């Protein structure tokens, strides 16, 4: 009877070890799935970050281009203001000359 008890005990130990191995395999499988899922999530986030980086870079280029355009516009407005000032000076001179001419003509009319 001792031999049969030994075999029965050995079979029970073998079954217990198999259960533990099955549990360990299940845990390792779950860990593997979690790692794969995490890797996929990280790759997805990396792709999104790359997309956002490209968008930010493009927006930066657009802002820089707009800055150049604003600078050019300011330069054009300054040139226009200087031209307007020059035109105003010439118009003032012309008005003064016309005033003098009118005074001369009025003086000639009074003499006649």
C-alpha atoms as a PDB file:
ATOM      1  CA  UNK A   1       0.000   0.000   0.000  1.00  0.00           C
ATOM      2  CA  UNK A   2       2.848   2.240   0.467  1.00  0.00           C
ATOM      3  CA  UNK A   3       3.768   2.126  -3.174  1.00  0.00           C
ATOM      4  CA  UNK A   4       0.281   3.097  -4.310  1.00  0.00           C
ATOM      5  CA  UNK A   5       0.215   5.958  -1.807  1.00  0.00           C
ATOM      6  CA  UNK A   6       3.570   7.127  -3.138  1.00  0.00           C
ATOM      7  CA  UNK A   7       2.293   7.043  -6.729  1.00  0.00           C
ATOM      8  CA  UNK A   8      -0.910   8.853  -5.745  1.00  0.00           C
ATOM      9  CA  UNK A   9       1.072  11.526  -3.924  1.00  0.00           C
ATOM     10  CA  UNK A  10       3.409  11.875  -6.860  1.00  0.00           C
ATOM     11  CA  UNK A  11       0.488  12.295  -9.262  1.00  0.00           C
ATOM     12  CA  UNK A  12      -1.012  14.954  -6.993  1.00  0.00           C
ATOM     13  CA  UNK A  13       2.308  16.799  -6.914  1.00  0.00           C
ATOM     14  CA  UNK A  14       2.565  16.512 -10.675  1.00  0.00           C
ATOM     15  CA  UNK A  15      -0.954  17.897 -11.090  1.00  0.00           C
ATOM     16  CA  UNK A  16      -0.160  20.770  -8.682  1.00  0.00           C
ATOM     17  CA  UNK A  17       2.997  21.617 -10.617  1.00  0.00           C
ATOM     18  CA  UNK A  18       1.054  21.558 -13.897  1.00  0.00           C
ATOM     19  CA  UNK A  19      -1.530  23.947 -12.434  1.00  0.00           C
ATOM     20  CA  UNK A  20       1.235  26.292 -11.324  1.00  0.00           C
ATOM     21  CA  UNK A  21       2.922  26.071 -14.731  1.00  0.00           C
ATOM     22  CA  UNK A  22      -0.391  26.793 -16.444  1.00  0.00           C
ATOM     23  CA  UNK A  23      -0.918  29.814 -14.173  1.00  0.00           C
ATOM     24  CA  UNK A  24       2.624  31.030 -14.877  1.00  0.00           C
ATOM     25  CA  UNK A  25       2.085  30.575 -18.629  1.00  0.00           C
ATOM     26  CA  UNK A  26      -1.153  32.556 -18.359  1.00  0.00           C
ATOM     27  CA  UNK A  27       0.586  35.341 -16.417  1.00  0.00           C
ATOM     28  CA  UNK A  28       3.461  35.471 -18.915  1.00  0.00           C
ATOM     29  CA  UNK A  29       0.944  35.573 -21.776  1.00  0.00           C
ATOM     30  CA  UNK A  30      -0.930  38.455 -20.108  1.00  0.00           C
ATOM     31  CA  UNK A  31       2.334  40.312 -19.532  1.00  0.00           C
ATOM     32  CA  UNK A  32       3.263  39.788 -23.200  1.00  0.00           C
ATOM     33  CA  UNK A  33      -0.121  41.102 -24.343  1.00  0.00           C
ATOM     34  CA  UNK A  34       0.245  44.117 -22.046  1.00  0.00           C
ATOM     35  CA  UNK A  35       3.728  44.819 -23.428  1.00  0.00           C
ATOM     36  CA  UNK A  36       2.441  44.563 -27.022  1.00  0.00           C
ATOM     37  CA  UNK A  37      -0.495  46.833 -26.220  1.00  0.00           C
ATOM     38  CA  UNK A  38       1.802  49.348 -24.532  1.00  0.00           C
ATOM     39  CA  UNK A  39       4.183  49.248 -27.508  1.00  0.00           C
ATOM     40  CA  UNK A  40       1.315  49.891 -29.926  1.00  0.00           C
ATOM     41  CA  UNK A  41       0.104  52.785 -27.780  1.00  0.00           C
ATOM     42  CA  UNK A  42       3.590  54.290 -27.632  1.00  0.00           C
ATOM     43  CA  UNK A  43       3.974  53.947 -31.412  1.00  0.00           C
ATOM     44  CA  UNK A  44       0.598  55.613 -31.916  1.00  0.00           C
ATOM     45  CA  UNK A  45       1.562  58.460 -29.582  1.00  0.00           C
ATOM     46  CA  UNK A  46       4.921  58.820 -31.348  1.00  0.00           C
ATOM     47  CA  UNK A  47       3.136  59.093 -34.712  1.00  0.00           C
ATOM     48  CA  UNK A  48       0.774  61.716 -33.314  1.00  0.00           C
ATOM     49  CA  UNK A  49       3.719  63.612 -31.850  1.00  0.00           C
ATOM     50  CA  UNK A  50       5.490  63.511 -35.225  1.00  0.00           C
ATOM     51  CA  UNK A  51       2.349  64.850 -36.914  1.00  0.00           C
ATOM     52  CA  UNK A  52       2.018  67.631 -34.351  1.00  0.00           C
ATOM     53  CA  UNK A  53       5.702  68.456 -34.717  1.00  0.00           C
ATOM     54  CA  UNK A  54       5.321  68.834 -38.482  1.00  0.00           C
ATOM     55  CA  UNK A  55       2.230  71.015 -37.997  1.00  0.00           C
ATOM     56  CA  UNK A  56       4.009  73.233 -35.471  1.00  0.00           C
ATOM     57  CA  UNK A  57       6.993  73.541 -37.803  1.00  0.00           C
ATOM     58  CA  UNK A  58       4.702  74.535 -40.694  1.00  0.00           C
ATOM     59  CA  UNK A  59       2.907  77.060 -38.503  1.00  0.00           C
ATOM     60  CA  UNK A  60       6.264  78.452 -37.436  1.00  0.00           C
ATOM     61  CA  UNK A  61       7.218  78.912 -41.087  1.00  0.00           C
ATOM     62  CA  UNK A  62       3.886  80.621 -41.746  1.00  0.00           C
ATOM     63  CA  UNK A  63       4.377  82.963 -38.786  1.00  0.00           C
ATOM     64  CA  UNK A  64       7.886  83.770 -40.001  1.00  0.00           C
ATOM     65  CA  UNK A  65       6.544  84.448 -43.512  1.00  0.00           C
ATOM     66  CA  UNK A  66       3.824  86.682 -42.063  1.00  0.00           C
ATOM     67  CA  UNK A  67       6.515  88.522 -40.109  1.00  0.00           C
ATOM     68  CA  UNK A  68       8.404  89.171 -43.348  1.00  0.00           C
ATOM     69  CA  UNK A  69       5.197  90.367 -44.987  1.00  0.00           C
ATOM     70  CA  UNK A  70       4.450  92.713 -42.088  1.00  0.00           C
ATOM     71  CA  UNK A  71       7.991  94.085 -42.282  1.00  0.00           C
ATOM     72  CA  UNK A  72       7.612  94.654 -46.033  1.00  0.00           C
ATOM     73  CA  UNK A  73       4.230  96.319 -45.474  1.00  0.00           C
ATOM     74  CA  UNK A  74       5.704  98.617 -42.811  1.00  0.00           C
ATOM     75  CA  UNK A  75       8.528  99.507 -45.179  1.00  0.00           C
ATOM     76  CA  UNK A  76       6.011 100.268 -47.956  1.00  0.00           C
ATOM     77  CA  UNK A  77       3.917 102.427 -45.600  1.00  0.00           C
ATOM     78  CA  UNK A  78       7.038 104.328 -44.527  1.00  0.00           C
ATOM     79  CA  UNK A  79       8.005 104.892 -48.166  1.00  0.00           C
ATOM     80  CA  UNK A  80       4.460 106.057 -48.914  1.00  0.00           C
ATOM     81  CA  UNK A  81       4.542 108.450 -45.951  1.00  0.00           C
ATOM     82  CA  UNK A  82       7.869 109.892 -47.097  1.00  0.00           C
ATOM     83  CA  UNK A  83       6.509 110.288 -50.627  1.00  0.00           C
ATOM     84  CA  UNK A  84       3.371 111.936 -49.229  1.00  0.00           C
ATOM     85  CA  UNK A  85       5.523 114.337 -47.186  1.00  0.00           C
ATOM     86  CA  UNK A  86       7.600 115.177 -50.261  1.00  0.00           C
ATOM     87  CA  UNK A  87       4.423 115.763 -52.303  1.00  0.00           C
ATOM     88  CA  UNK A  88       3.033 117.989 -49.546  1.00  0.00           C
ATOM     89  CA  UNK A  89       6.223 120.079 -49.525  1.00  0.00           C
ATOM     90  CA  UNK A  90       6.060 120.524 -53.309  1.00  0.00           C
ATOM     91  CA  UNK A  91       2.367 121.393 -53.101  1.00  0.00           C
ATOM     92  CA  UNK A  92       3.141 123.973 -50.412  1.00  0.00           C
ATOM     93  CA  UNK A  93       5.846 125.499 -52.625  1.00  0.00           C
ATOM     94  CA  UNK A  94       3.459 125.536 -55.580  1.00  0.00           C
ATOM     95  CA  UNK A  95       0.767 127.220 -53.483  1.00  0.00           C
ATOM     96  CA  UNK A  96       3.234 129.852 -52.294  1.00  0.00           C
ATOM     97  CA  UNK A  97       4.369 130.449 -55.868  1.00  0.00           C
ATOM     98  CA  UNK A  98       0.751 130.792 -57.040  1.00  0.00           C
ATOM     99  CA  UNK A  99       0.037 133.199 -54.165  1.00  0.00           C
ATOM    100  CA  UNK A 100       3.011 135.355 -55.241  1.00  0.00           C
ATOM    101  CA  UNK A 101       1.876 135.214 -58.864  1.00  0.00           C
ATOM    102  CA  UNK A 102      -1.647 136.262 -57.872  1.00  0.00           C
ATOM    103  CA  UNK A 103      -0.257 139.174 -55.843  1.00  0.00           C
ATOM    104  CA  UNK A 104       1.845 140.228 -58.820  1.00  0.00           C
ATOM    105  CA  UNK A 105      -1.156 139.985 -61.153  1.00  0.00           C
ATOM    106  CA  UNK A 106      -3.326 141.945 -58.734  1.00  0.00           C
ATOM    107  CA  UNK A 107      -0.634 144.593 -58.492  1.00  0.00           C
ATOM    108  CA  UNK A 108      -0.521 144.840 -62.310  1.00  0.00           C
ATOM    109  CA  UNK A 109      -4.319 145.181 -62.484  1.00  0.00           C
ATOM    110  CA  UNK A 110      -4.292 148.022 -59.941  1.00  0.00           C
ATOM    111  CA  UNK A 111      -1.621 149.911 -61.935  1.00  0.00           C
ATOM    112  CA  UNK A 112      -3.550 149.681 -65.139  1.00  0.00           C
END
